[in-house]
Amino acid sequence: GVRTAMRNVVKGPGILISSSKIPGEEFVRQMQDTRLGLCPRGSDRNSFRFMQCLDMGVIPVYIWSDFEFLPYKEFLDWSKFIVSVRATELPSLAPRLLALAHNTTALEAMHATLLAALPYLSPNFTHHYILQQLEVHSHPGGPPWGRISPFNYAMCSASCIAGDRCPCSGACHRLCQCIEKR
């Protein structure tokens, strides 16, 4: 599978691949010392390790086989803060990662973009994104946000539901009305 192929190909100085369970504190310490985290797909199309890397501010190296399964592609440019690799490209992965590891400017830019994207990958945002998608598909005349991007529209819905001040100064007013009626 993907994990075995990854272990066979991705080797070298500074690369740690553990096949055994690591105690929690040791795992956290290793992740804190890591810039790039290998995230091969699991039994599903994604990887629990992928979310762990994101949550800990580690740039995920997402290894997939049949379908690049990344959410919110309509407003998140994943290529700016993760490394995405098809399993058939594994032979070129080690040199690619070593080159990236030595490019401090690129790593810092990816890390900054990852940190900026984290709020949009939270369970809270997912809930509001689903509501937004339901809203979009329940209006036959088109999306209710007009000129506001779907991303900002979803963020406004999160603010409105939480009772916070709307970041778009009320331009999403129709959404707020729809949510209040539910």
Protein backbone atom coordinates (compact mmCIF):
# COMPACT_ATOMS: atom_id res chain seq x y z
CA GLY A 1 0.00 0.00 0.00
CA VAL A 2 0.84 3.67 0.12
CA ARG A 3 2.41 3.52 3.59
CA THR A 4 4.78 0.68 2.71
CA ALA A 5 5.83 2.41 -0.51
CA MET A 6 6.44 5.62 1.43
CA ARG A 7 8.65 3.85 4.00
CA ASN A 8 10.68 2.23 1.22
CA VAL A 9 11.28 5.46 -0.69
CA VAL A 10 11.40 8.31 1.80
CA LYS A 11 14.66 7.84 3.66
CA GLY A 12 17.52 10.07 4.58
CA PRO A 13 19.06 12.28 7.20
CA GLY A 14 16.52 14.30 9.12
CA ILE A 15 13.64 12.01 8.10
CA LEU A 16 12.00 10.08 10.94
CA ILE A 17 9.39 7.46 10.16
CA SER A 18 8.07 5.52 13.11
CA SER A 19 6.06 2.37 12.65
CA SER A 20 5.35 1.94 16.36
CA LYS A 21 3.11 3.82 18.72
CA ILE A 22 4.83 6.75 20.35
CA PRO A 23 3.71 7.89 23.82
CA GLY A 24 1.66 11.12 23.69
CA GLU A 25 4.25 13.47 25.18
CA GLU A 26 6.99 12.12 22.92
CA PHE A 27 4.71 12.43 19.88
CA VAL A 28 3.96 16.07 20.72
CA ARG A 29 7.68 16.80 21.21
CA GLN A 30 8.53 15.21 17.86
CA MET A 31 5.78 17.15 16.11
CA GLN A 32 6.96 20.41 17.68
CA ASP A 33 10.43 19.74 16.25
CA THR A 34 9.02 18.94 12.79
CA ARG A 35 8.61 21.26 9.81
CA LEU A 36 7.08 18.71 7.40
CA GLY A 37 4.89 15.76 8.38
CA LEU A 38 4.31 12.70 6.22
CA CYS A 39 0.58 11.98 5.91
CA PRO A 40 -0.09 8.92 3.76
CA ARG A 41 -3.72 8.17 3.17
CA GLY A 42 -5.21 5.64 5.54
CA SER A 43 -8.02 3.18 4.93
CA ASP A 44 -10.04 6.15 3.72
CA ARG A 45 -8.93 8.86 1.28
CA ASN A 46 -7.58 11.05 4.01
CA SER A 47 -5.36 10.68 7.03
CA PHE A 48 -5.79 11.40 10.72
CA ARG A 49 -2.14 12.48 10.71
CA PHE A 50 -3.04 15.17 8.14
CA MET A 51 -5.33 16.93 10.63
CA GLN A 52 -2.82 16.42 13.45
CA CYS A 53 -0.16 18.16 11.35
CA LEU A 54 -2.47 21.04 10.52
CA ASP A 55 -3.53 21.43 14.17
CA MET A 56 0.10 21.49 15.31
CA GLY A 57 1.26 23.91 12.61
CA VAL A 58 3.30 21.28 10.75
CA ILE A 59 3.20 21.40 6.95
CA PRO A 60 1.47 18.17 5.86
CA VAL A 61 2.94 16.05 3.10
CA TYR A 62 -0.30 14.50 1.89
CA ILE A 63 0.27 11.25 -0.01
CA TRP A 64 -2.77 10.03 -1.92
CA SER A 65 -3.41 7.26 -4.40
CA ASP A 66 -6.59 7.65 -6.43
CA PHE A 67 -8.15 11.01 -5.64
CA GLU A 68 -6.72 14.13 -3.98
CA PHE A 69 -9.33 14.48 -1.25
CA LEU A 70 -9.01 18.06 0.04
CA PRO A 71 -12.02 20.11 1.15
CA TYR A 72 -12.86 23.73 0.32
CA LYS A 73 -10.80 23.86 -2.87
CA GLU A 74 -13.06 26.63 -4.12
CA PHE A 75 -11.42 29.07 -1.72
CA LEU A 76 -8.35 27.37 -0.21
CA ASP A 77 -5.26 27.03 -2.37
CA TRP A 78 -3.82 23.97 -0.68
CA SER A 79 -0.64 24.14 -2.75
CA LYS A 80 0.35 27.23 -0.75
CA PHE A 81 0.57 25.38 2.59
CA ILE A 82 0.80 21.62 2.03
CA VAL A 83 2.82 19.28 -0.15
CA SER A 84 0.45 17.03 -2.10
CA VAL A 85 1.91 13.94 -3.75
CA ARG A 86 0.30 11.19 -5.78
CA ALA A 87 1.57 7.79 -4.61
CA THR A 88 3.01 7.10 -8.06
CA GLU A 89 5.30 10.14 -7.54
CA LEU A 90 6.84 8.75 -4.34
CA PRO A 91 10.26 8.04 -5.93
CA SER A 92 10.76 11.80 -6.39
CA LEU A 93 9.47 12.74 -2.93
CA ALA A 94 12.68 12.51 -0.85
CA PRO A 95 14.68 14.91 -3.09
CA ARG A 96 11.68 17.23 -3.28
CA LEU A 97 11.33 17.33 0.52
CA LEU A 98 15.06 17.82 1.05
CA ALA A 99 15.04 20.75 -1.39
CA LEU A 100 12.05 22.28 0.40
CA ALA A 101 13.63 21.70 3.83
CA HIS A 102 16.65 23.75 2.72
CA ASN A 103 14.49 26.57 1.34
CA THR A 104 13.76 28.50 4.53
CA THR A 105 11.89 31.27 2.71
CA ALA A 106 9.46 28.82 1.08
CA LEU A 107 8.95 26.90 4.33
CA GLU A 108 8.23 30.09 6.27
CA ALA A 109 5.74 31.26 3.62
CA MET A 110 3.98 27.87 3.65
CA HIS A 111 3.90 27.87 7.45
CA ALA A 112 2.44 31.39 7.60
CA THR A 113 -0.24 30.44 5.05
CA LEU A 114 -1.03 27.26 7.00
CA LEU A 115 -1.51 29.25 10.20
CA ALA A 116 -3.79 31.70 8.37
CA ALA A 117 -5.87 28.80 7.00
CA LEU A 118 -6.37 27.04 10.35
CA PRO A 119 -9.60 28.87 11.33
CA TYR A 120 -11.17 27.63 8.10
CA LEU A 121 -10.31 24.02 8.88
CA SER A 122 -11.94 23.93 12.31
CA PRO A 123 -15.06 21.89 13.09
CA ASN A 124 -16.90 25.16 13.74
CA PHE A 125 -16.16 26.41 10.24
CA THR A 126 -17.15 23.04 8.76
CA HIS A 127 -20.55 23.34 10.41
CA HIS A 128 -21.06 26.83 9.01
CA TYR A 129 -19.78 25.82 5.59
CA ILE A 130 -22.38 23.05 5.45
CA LEU A 131 -25.08 25.55 6.40
CA GLN A 132 -23.82 27.89 3.71
CA GLN A 133 -23.92 25.13 1.10
CA LEU A 134 -27.47 24.27 2.11
CA GLU A 135 -28.36 27.94 1.80
CA VAL A 136 -26.81 28.17 -1.67
CA HIS A 137 -28.69 25.14 -2.91
CA SER A 138 -31.99 26.25 -1.40
CA HIS A 139 -32.13 29.46 -3.46
CA PRO A 140 -33.10 28.60 -7.06
CA GLY A 141 -32.26 32.12 -8.26
CA GLY A 142 -28.64 31.74 -7.24
CA PRO A 143 -26.57 32.26 -4.16
CA PRO A 144 -27.90 34.88 -1.74
CA TRP A 145 -24.54 36.54 -1.10
CA GLY A 146 -24.38 38.46 -4.36
CA ARG A 147 -20.88 39.91 -4.70
CA ILE A 148 -19.52 38.46 -1.45
CA SER A 149 -17.29 35.42 -1.97
CA PRO A 150 -18.61 32.08 -0.69
CA PHE A 151 -15.72 32.02 1.76
CA ASN A 152 -16.56 35.42 3.27
CA TYR A 153 -20.22 34.49 3.25
CA ALA A 154 -19.47 31.37 5.31
CA MET A 155 -17.29 33.39 7.69
CA CYS A 156 -20.10 35.93 8.11
CA SER A 157 -22.51 33.12 8.94
CA ALA A 158 -20.10 31.88 11.60
CA SER A 159 -19.92 35.37 13.11
CA CYS A 160 -23.67 35.85 12.99
CA ILE A 161 -24.40 32.50 14.64
CA ALA A 162 -21.83 33.18 17.33
CA GLY A 163 -23.42 36.58 17.96
CA ASP A 164 -20.26 38.41 16.93
CA ARG A 165 -20.13 41.52 14.77
CA CYS A 166 -20.43 40.61 11.12
CA PRO A 167 -17.06 41.04 9.35
CA CYS A 168 -18.69 42.22 6.10
CA SER A 169 -20.64 45.07 7.75
CA GLY A 170 -23.99 43.47 7.06
CA ALA A 171 -23.57 42.75 3.35
CA CYS A 172 -24.61 39.18 4.11
CA HIS A 173 -27.84 40.37 5.74
CA ARG A 174 -29.98 37.83 3.89
CA LEU A 175 -27.97 35.00 5.39
CA CYS A 176 -28.42 36.36 8.90
CA GLN A 177 -32.17 36.54 8.36
CA CYS A 178 -32.27 32.95 7.06
CA ILE A 179 -30.35 31.64 10.05
CA GLU A 180 -32.51 33.56 12.53
CA LYS A 181 -35.63 31.89 11.08
CA ARG A 182 -34.25 28.37 11.67
